C-alpha atoms as a PDB file:
ATOM      1  CA  MET A   1       7.828  14.933  -7.142  1.00  0.00           C
ATOM      2  CA  SER A   2      11.378  15.538  -8.300  1.00  0.00           C
ATOM      3  CA  LEU A   3      12.252  17.922 -11.092  1.00  0.00           C
ATOM      4  CA  ILE A   4      13.248  15.027 -13.360  1.00  0.00           C
ATOM      5  CA  ASN A   5       9.933  13.204 -12.773  1.00  0.00           C
ATOM      6  CA  THR A   6       8.053  16.439 -13.440  1.00  0.00           C
ATOM      7  CA  LEU A   7       9.887  16.977 -16.724  1.00  0.00           C
ATOM      8  CA  LEU A   8       9.386  13.343 -17.763  1.00  0.00           C
ATOM      9  CA  SER A   9       5.659  13.533 -17.068  1.00  0.00           C
ATOM     10  CA  LEU A  10       5.377  16.780 -19.081  1.00  0.00           C
ATOM     11  CA  VAL A  11       6.812  15.082 -22.162  1.00  0.00           C
ATOM     12  CA  GLY A  12       4.656  11.987 -21.644  1.00  0.00           C
ATOM     13  CA  LEU A  13       7.297   9.754 -20.104  1.00  0.00           C
ATOM     14  CA  GLY A  14       7.570   8.403 -16.602  1.00  0.00           C
ATOM     15  CA  LYS A  15       4.896   7.548 -14.074  1.00  0.00           C
ATOM     16  CA  LYS A  16       1.711   9.582 -14.331  1.00  0.00           C
ATOM     17  CA  THR A  17      -0.236  10.580 -11.253  1.00  0.00           C
ATOM     18  CA  PRO A  18      -4.039  10.589 -11.178  1.00  0.00           C
ATOM     19  CA  ALA A  19      -5.783  13.875 -11.834  1.00  0.00           C
ATOM     20  CA  GLY A  20      -7.945  13.746  -8.686  1.00  0.00           C
ATOM     21  CA  PRO A  21      -7.158  15.226  -5.293  1.00  0.00           C
ATOM     22  CA  GLN A  22      -4.746  13.453  -2.992  1.00  0.00           C
ATOM     23  CA  GLU A  23      -6.360  11.654  -0.089  1.00  0.00           C
ATOM     24  CA  ARG A  24      -5.200   9.389   2.700  1.00  0.00           C
ATOM     25  CA  ILE A  25      -6.458   5.873   2.066  1.00  0.00           C
ATOM     26  CA  GLU A  26      -5.303   3.320   4.614  1.00  0.00           C
ATOM     27  CA  ILE A  27      -5.310  -0.319   3.566  1.00  0.00           C
ATOM     28  CA  TYR A  28      -5.232  -3.317   5.905  1.00  0.00           C
ATOM     29  CA  VAL A  29      -3.068  -6.203   4.700  1.00  0.00           C
ATOM     30  CA  GLY A  30      -3.497  -9.487   6.547  1.00  0.00           C
ATOM     31  CA  ASN A  31      -1.925 -12.940   6.348  1.00  0.00           C
ATOM     32  CA  LEU A  32       1.509 -11.506   5.523  1.00  0.00           C
ATOM     33  CA  SER A  33       4.559 -13.724   5.460  1.00  0.00           C
ATOM     34  CA  TYR A  34       6.401 -13.387   8.772  1.00  0.00           C
ATOM     35  CA  ASP A  35       9.526 -12.640   6.711  1.00  0.00           C
ATOM     36  CA  MET A  36       8.049  -9.587   4.954  1.00  0.00           C
ATOM     37  CA  ASN A  37       9.398  -6.201   6.005  1.00  0.00           C
ATOM     38  CA  ASP A  38       8.202  -2.611   5.469  1.00  0.00           C
ATOM     39  CA  GLU A  39      10.215  -2.114   2.276  1.00  0.00           C
ATOM     40  CA  GLN A  40       8.923  -5.315   0.676  1.00  0.00           C
ATOM     41  CA  LEU A  41       5.338  -4.375   1.572  1.00  0.00           C
ATOM     42  CA  GLU A  42       5.807  -0.915   0.054  1.00  0.00           C
ATOM     43  CA  LYS A  43       7.310  -2.388  -3.123  1.00  0.00           C
ATOM     44  CA  THR A  44       4.357  -4.799  -3.472  1.00  0.00           C
ATOM     45  CA  PHE A  45       1.852  -1.912  -3.419  1.00  0.00           C
ATOM     46  CA  ALA A  46       3.973   0.632  -5.333  1.00  0.00           C
ATOM     47  CA  LYS A  47       3.259  -1.318  -8.534  1.00  0.00           C
ATOM     48  CA  TYR A  48      -0.297   0.067  -8.311  1.00  0.00           C
ATOM     49  CA  GLY A  49       0.325   3.660  -7.311  1.00  0.00           C
ATOM     50  CA  THR A  50       1.739   6.197  -4.895  1.00  0.00           C
ATOM     51  CA  VAL A  51       2.522   4.701  -1.486  1.00  0.00           C
ATOM     52  CA  ARG A  52       2.931   7.244   1.293  1.00  0.00           C
ATOM     53  CA  ARG A  53       3.775   4.709   3.989  1.00  0.00           C
ATOM     54  CA  ALA A  54       3.882   0.952   4.483  1.00  0.00           C
ATOM     55  CA  ARG A  55       4.418  -0.748   7.811  1.00  0.00           C
ATOM     56  CA  VAL A  56       4.400  -4.317   9.037  1.00  0.00           C
ATOM     57  CA  ILE A  57       3.113  -4.541  12.611  1.00  0.00           C
ATOM     58  CA  THR A  58       5.618  -6.182  14.935  1.00  0.00           C
ATOM     59  CA  ASN A  59       5.675  -7.494  18.477  1.00  0.00           C
ATOM     60  CA  ARG A  60       7.157  -4.793  20.701  1.00  0.00           C
ATOM     61  CA  PHE A  61       9.239  -7.244  22.721  1.00  0.00           C
ATOM     62  CA  ASN A  62      10.877  -9.462  20.088  1.00  0.00           C
ATOM     63  CA  HIS A  63      10.267  -7.230  17.020  1.00  0.00           C
ATOM     64  CA  LYS A  64       8.911 -10.153  14.969  1.00  0.00           C
ATOM     65  CA  SER A  65       6.066  -9.630  12.520  1.00  0.00           C
ATOM     66  CA  LYS A  66       2.524 -10.248  13.717  1.00  0.00           C
ATOM     67  CA  GLY A  67       1.520 -11.194  10.161  1.00  0.00           C
ATOM     68  CA  PHE A  68      -0.374  -8.040   9.215  1.00  0.00           C
ATOM     69  CA  GLY A  69       0.317  -4.470   8.257  1.00  0.00           C
ATOM     70  CA  PHE A  70      -1.010  -1.223   6.833  1.00  0.00           C
ATOM     71  CA  VAL A  71      -0.329   0.664   3.634  1.00  0.00           C
ATOM     72  CA  GLU A  72      -1.251   4.308   3.165  1.00  0.00           C
ATOM     73  CA  MET A  73      -1.848   5.395  -0.419  1.00  0.00           C
ATOM     74  CA  ALA A  74      -2.342   8.894  -1.807  1.00  0.00           C
ATOM     75  CA  TYR A  75      -5.108   8.316  -4.374  1.00  0.00           C
ATOM     76  CA  ARG A  76      -8.382   6.410  -3.992  1.00  0.00           C
ATOM     77  CA  ALA A  77      -8.334   5.042  -7.572  1.00  0.00           C
ATOM     78  CA  GLU A  78      -4.851   3.601  -7.038  1.00  0.00           C
ATOM     79  CA  ALA A  79      -5.785   2.174  -3.638  1.00  0.00           C
ATOM     80  CA  GLU A  80      -8.864   0.463  -5.074  1.00  0.00           C
ATOM     81  CA  LYS A  81      -6.779  -0.927  -7.925  1.00  0.00           C
ATOM     82  CA  ALA A  82      -4.224  -2.324  -5.452  1.00  0.00           C
ATOM     83  CA  ILE A  83      -6.919  -3.839  -3.220  1.00  0.00           C
ATOM     84  CA  LYS A  84      -8.579  -5.534  -6.174  1.00  0.00           C
ATOM     85  CA  ALA A  85      -5.287  -6.838  -7.584  1.00  0.00           C
ATOM     86  CA  LEU A  86      -3.733  -8.064  -4.330  1.00  0.00           C
ATOM     87  CA  HIS A  87      -6.679  -9.445  -2.334  1.00  0.00           C
ATOM     88  CA  ASP A  88      -6.394 -13.244  -2.192  1.00  0.00           C
ATOM     89  CA  LYS A  89      -3.135 -13.145  -4.203  1.00  0.00           C
ATOM     90  CA  SER A  90      -0.219 -15.286  -3.069  1.00  0.00           C
ATOM     91  CA  VAL A  91       2.783 -13.184  -2.024  1.00  0.00           C
ATOM     92  CA  MET A  92       5.820 -14.834  -0.420  1.00  0.00           C
ATOM     93  CA  GLY A  93       3.831 -18.040  -0.047  1.00  0.00           C
ATOM     94  CA  ARG A  94       0.819 -16.507   1.756  1.00  0.00           C
ATOM     95  CA  ARG A  95      -2.604 -15.534   0.347  1.00  0.00           C
ATOM     96  CA  LEU A  96      -3.075 -11.885   1.290  1.00  0.00           C
ATOM     97  CA  ARG A  97      -6.246 -10.440   2.779  1.00  0.00           C
ATOM     98  CA  VAL A  98      -6.474  -6.847   1.571  1.00  0.00           C
ATOM     99  CA  ASN A  99      -9.198  -4.275   2.243  1.00  0.00           C
ATOM    100  CA  GLU A 100      -9.647  -0.654   3.190  1.00  0.00           C
ATOM    101  CA  ALA A 101      -8.806  -0.281   6.871  1.00  0.00           C
ATOM    102  CA  ARG A 102     -11.601   0.501   9.300  1.00  0.00           C
ATOM    103  CA  ASN A 103     -10.591   3.402  11.489  1.00  0.00           C
ATOM    104  CA  GLY A 104     -12.623   2.322  14.503  1.00  0.00           C
ATOM    105  CA  LYS A 105     -15.293   5.002  14.093  1.00  0.00           C
ATOM    106  CA  ALA A 106     -18.839   3.709  13.988  1.00  0.00           C
ATOM    107  CA  LYS A 107     -20.825   4.931  11.010  1.00  0.00           C
ATOM    108  CA  HIS A 108     -24.346   6.100  11.769  1.00  0.00           C
END
């Protein structure tokens, strides 16, 4: 956080961060517009909280979007808020499918 943001938050202005510990919550975003890029995806989720990383998955040969991506957020409460707000919402003409990403590990 920059010095200016820190000062603004101390006086009650600016964006406030949640009080809980930072985590790494990865969110799957499906049915993306093929025109959406990483910056647009990040901007869509940044309305709901701290985005660490946003990436649209592309074909390695022609670099065109595959229509899905991942967003990594820093706080669980913000990630859950974003998932709830954006799941089944129309963005750039497509109804998004948004849920917490499964990391491939089986839960026993």
